[in-house]
Amino acid sequence: MMNKPTDHALPDDPVMFAAYVASISGELARISRENGLSTLAYILEMARLEARNITLTEQDASAEQQTAQTN
């Protein structure tokens, strides 16, 4: 079993963490696909899309809130 990496801290902010998950799951999906693990690649790609959707949704909500405050 592999040890948890300790050389870097994970983001505390949920939106930043979702962006991190999107990035790493995309890379893992690519590696899985290259090694013939198509089902695993598909699942990881779905995780990437969900994490990206969370990131974009939260960014949009934040932008709308800032616009409303300035008006």
N, C-alpha and C. Protein backbone atom coordinates (compact mmCIF):
# COMPACT_ATOMS: atom_id res chain seq x y z
N MET A 1 0.84 -1.17 0.00
CA MET A 1 0.00 0.00 0.00
C MET A 1 0.89 1.24 0.00
N MET A 2 0.50 2.25 -0.76
CA MET A 2 1.28 3.47 -0.86
C MET A 2 0.96 4.40 0.31
N ASN A 3 1.97 5.13 0.75
CA ASN A 3 1.76 6.13 1.79
C ASN A 3 1.18 7.39 1.19
N LYS A 4 0.46 8.12 2.02
CA LYS A 4 -0.10 9.40 1.61
C LYS A 4 1.04 10.40 1.41
N PRO A 5 1.04 11.12 0.29
CA PRO A 5 2.11 12.11 0.08
C PRO A 5 2.02 13.21 1.14
N THR A 6 3.16 13.59 1.66
CA THR A 6 3.18 14.63 2.69
C THR A 6 4.03 15.82 2.28
N ASP A 7 4.49 15.85 1.03
CA ASP A 7 5.37 16.92 0.60
C ASP A 7 4.63 18.20 0.21
N HIS A 8 3.32 18.16 0.14
CA HIS A 8 2.56 19.38 -0.13
C HIS A 8 1.21 19.34 0.58
N ALA A 9 0.73 20.51 0.93
CA ALA A 9 -0.55 20.62 1.62
C ALA A 9 -1.68 20.69 0.58
N LEU A 10 -2.78 20.06 0.89
CA LEU A 10 -3.95 20.14 0.03
C LEU A 10 -4.70 21.43 0.34
N PRO A 11 -5.40 21.97 -0.65
CA PRO A 11 -6.13 23.22 -0.43
C PRO A 11 -7.20 23.07 0.64
N ASP A 12 -7.35 24.08 1.48
CA ASP A 12 -8.39 24.09 2.52
C ASP A 12 -9.73 24.54 1.96
N ASP A 13 -9.69 25.40 0.96
CA ASP A 13 -10.91 25.94 0.36
C ASP A 13 -11.58 24.87 -0.50
N PRO A 14 -12.88 24.62 -0.32
CA PRO A 14 -13.56 23.57 -1.10
C PRO A 14 -13.49 23.77 -2.61
N VAL A 15 -13.57 25.01 -3.07
CA VAL A 15 -13.51 25.26 -4.51
C VAL A 15 -12.11 24.98 -5.05
N MET A 16 -11.10 25.39 -4.31
CA MET A 16 -9.72 25.12 -4.72
C MET A 16 -9.45 23.61 -4.68
N PHE A 17 -10.01 22.93 -3.69
CA PHE A 17 -9.85 21.48 -3.62
C PHE A 17 -10.51 20.80 -4.81
N ALA A 18 -11.69 21.28 -5.20
CA ALA A 18 -12.37 20.73 -6.38
C ALA A 18 -11.53 20.94 -7.63
N ALA A 19 -10.90 22.10 -7.75
CA ALA A 19 -10.02 22.37 -8.90
C ALA A 19 -8.83 21.40 -8.89
N TYR A 20 -8.29 21.15 -7.71
CA TYR A 20 -7.17 20.20 -7.58
C TYR A 20 -7.62 18.79 -7.99
N VAL A 21 -8.79 18.38 -7.52
CA VAL A 21 -9.32 17.05 -7.87
C VAL A 21 -9.54 16.96 -9.38
N ALA A 22 -10.04 18.02 -9.99
CA ALA A 22 -10.24 18.02 -11.44
C ALA A 22 -8.92 17.80 -12.17
N SER A 23 -7.90 18.48 -11.71
CA SER A 23 -6.58 18.36 -12.34
C SER A 23 -6.00 16.96 -12.19
N ILE A 24 -5.97 16.46 -10.99
CA ILE A 24 -5.32 15.17 -10.74
C ILE A 24 -6.13 14.02 -11.34
N SER A 25 -7.46 14.11 -11.30
CA SER A 25 -8.26 13.02 -11.87
C SER A 25 -8.15 13.01 -13.39
N GLY A 26 -7.98 14.18 -14.00
CA GLY A 26 -7.76 14.22 -15.44
C GLY A 26 -6.46 13.53 -15.82
N GLU A 27 -5.42 13.78 -15.05
CA GLU A 27 -4.13 13.14 -15.31
C GLU A 27 -4.22 11.63 -15.09
N LEU A 28 -4.88 11.21 -14.03
CA LEU A 28 -5.05 9.78 -13.76
C LEU A 28 -5.89 9.10 -14.84
N ALA A 29 -6.90 9.81 -15.36
CA ALA A 29 -7.72 9.25 -16.45
C ALA A 29 -6.86 9.03 -17.69
N ARG A 30 -6.00 9.99 -18.00
CA ARG A 30 -5.12 9.87 -19.16
C ARG A 30 -4.19 8.67 -19.01
N ILE A 31 -3.58 8.54 -17.84
CA ILE A 31 -2.66 7.43 -17.59
C ILE A 31 -3.40 6.09 -17.66
N SER A 32 -4.59 6.06 -17.11
CA SER A 32 -5.39 4.83 -17.14
C SER A 32 -5.72 4.44 -18.57
N ARG A 33 -6.13 5.42 -19.37
CA ARG A 33 -6.47 5.17 -20.76
C ARG A 33 -5.26 4.63 -21.53
N GLU A 34 -4.10 5.25 -21.29
CA GLU A 34 -2.87 4.80 -21.97
C GLU A 34 -2.49 3.38 -21.61
N ASN A 35 -2.94 2.91 -20.46
CA ASN A 35 -2.60 1.56 -20.00
C ASN A 35 -3.75 0.57 -20.18
N GLY A 36 -4.71 0.95 -21.01
CA GLY A 36 -5.79 0.04 -21.35
C GLY A 36 -6.85 -0.15 -20.29
N LEU A 37 -6.92 0.74 -19.34
CA LEU A 37 -7.91 0.64 -18.27
C LEU A 37 -9.06 1.58 -18.56
N SER A 38 -9.84 1.24 -19.56
CA SER A 38 -10.86 2.15 -20.07
C SER A 38 -11.97 2.44 -19.07
N THR A 39 -12.40 1.45 -18.31
CA THR A 39 -13.46 1.69 -17.33
C THR A 39 -12.97 2.63 -16.23
N LEU A 40 -11.78 2.39 -15.74
CA LEU A 40 -11.20 3.27 -14.73
C LEU A 40 -11.02 4.68 -15.29
N ALA A 41 -10.55 4.79 -16.52
CA ALA A 41 -10.38 6.09 -17.16
C ALA A 41 -11.72 6.82 -17.25
N TYR A 42 -12.77 6.11 -17.59
CA TYR A 42 -14.11 6.70 -17.68
C TYR A 42 -14.56 7.24 -16.32
N ILE A 43 -14.40 6.44 -15.28
CA ILE A 43 -14.81 6.86 -13.94
C ILE A 43 -14.02 8.09 -13.50
N LEU A 44 -12.72 8.08 -13.75
CA LEU A 44 -11.90 9.24 -13.40
C LEU A 44 -12.28 10.47 -14.20
N GLU A 45 -12.64 10.28 -15.45
CA GLU A 45 -13.09 11.41 -16.27
C GLU A 45 -14.40 11.98 -15.74
N MET A 46 -15.29 11.12 -15.27
CA MET A 46 -16.53 11.60 -14.66
C MET A 46 -16.24 12.39 -13.38
N ALA A 47 -15.27 11.92 -12.60
CA ALA A 47 -14.87 12.65 -11.40
C ALA A 47 -14.29 14.02 -11.78
N ARG A 48 -13.49 14.05 -12.86
CA ARG A 48 -12.92 15.32 -13.32
C ARG A 48 -14.01 16.30 -13.73
N LEU A 49 -14.99 15.81 -14.47
CA LEU A 49 -16.08 16.68 -14.92
C LEU A 49 -16.91 17.19 -13.75
N GLU A 50 -17.18 16.35 -12.78
CA GLU A 50 -17.95 16.77 -11.60
C GLU A 50 -17.18 17.82 -10.80
N ALA A 51 -15.90 17.59 -10.59
CA ALA A 51 -15.08 18.56 -9.85
C ALA A 51 -14.99 19.88 -10.61
N ARG A 52 -14.84 19.81 -11.92
CA ARG A 52 -14.79 21.04 -12.74
C ARG A 52 -16.11 21.78 -12.66
N ASN A 53 -17.22 21.04 -12.70
CA ASN A 53 -18.54 21.66 -12.60
C ASN A 53 -18.71 22.38 -11.26
N ILE A 54 -18.26 21.76 -10.19
CA ILE A 54 -18.32 22.40 -8.86
C ILE A 54 -17.51 23.70 -8.88
N THR A 55 -16.32 23.63 -9.43
CA THR A 55 -15.45 24.81 -9.49
C THR A 55 -16.12 25.93 -10.28
N LEU A 56 -16.63 25.62 -11.47
CA LEU A 56 -17.25 26.64 -12.31
C LEU A 56 -18.52 27.21 -11.69
N THR A 57 -19.33 26.35 -11.08
CA THR A 57 -20.57 26.79 -10.45
C THR A 57 -20.28 27.75 -9.30
N GLU A 58 -19.30 27.40 -8.48
CA GLU A 58 -18.95 28.25 -7.35
C GLU A 58 -18.33 29.56 -7.81
N GLN A 59 -17.52 29.52 -8.87
CA GLN A 59 -16.93 30.75 -9.40
C GLN A 59 -18.01 31.66 -9.96
N ASP A 60 -19.00 31.09 -10.66
CA ASP A 60 -20.10 31.88 -11.19
C ASP A 60 -20.92 32.51 -10.07
N ALA A 61 -21.19 31.74 -9.03
CA ALA A 61 -21.96 32.25 -7.90
C ALA A 61 -21.22 33.38 -7.20
N SER A 62 -19.93 33.23 -7.07
CA SER A 62 -19.11 34.26 -6.44
C SER A 62 -19.10 35.53 -7.28
N ALA A 63 -18.98 35.39 -8.58
CA ALA A 63 -18.98 36.55 -9.48
C ALA A 63 -20.32 37.26 -9.44
N GLU A 64 -21.42 36.52 -9.42
CA GLU A 64 -22.74 37.12 -9.34
C GLU A 64 -22.93 37.87 -8.03
N GLN A 65 -22.42 37.31 -6.94
CA GLN A 65 -22.53 37.94 -5.64
C GLN A 65 -21.73 39.25 -5.62
N GLN A 66 -20.55 39.27 -6.21
CA GLN A 66 -19.74 40.48 -6.26
C GLN A 66 -20.41 41.55 -7.11
N THR A 67 -21.03 41.13 -8.21
CA THR A 67 -21.74 42.08 -9.08
C THR A 67 -22.92 42.69 -8.35
N ALA A 68 -23.65 41.87 -7.61
CA ALA A 68 -24.80 42.37 -6.87
C ALA A 68 -24.39 43.36 -5.77
N GLN A 69 -23.25 43.14 -5.16
CA GLN A 69 -22.77 44.02 -4.10
C GLN A 69 -22.33 45.37 -4.65
N THR A 70 -21.83 45.40 -5.89
CA THR A 70 -21.35 46.65 -6.45
C THR A 70 -22.48 47.49 -7.05
N ASN A 71 -23.66 46.88 -7.26
CA ASN A 71 -24.79 47.62 -7.84
C ASN A 71 -25.64 48.21 -6.79
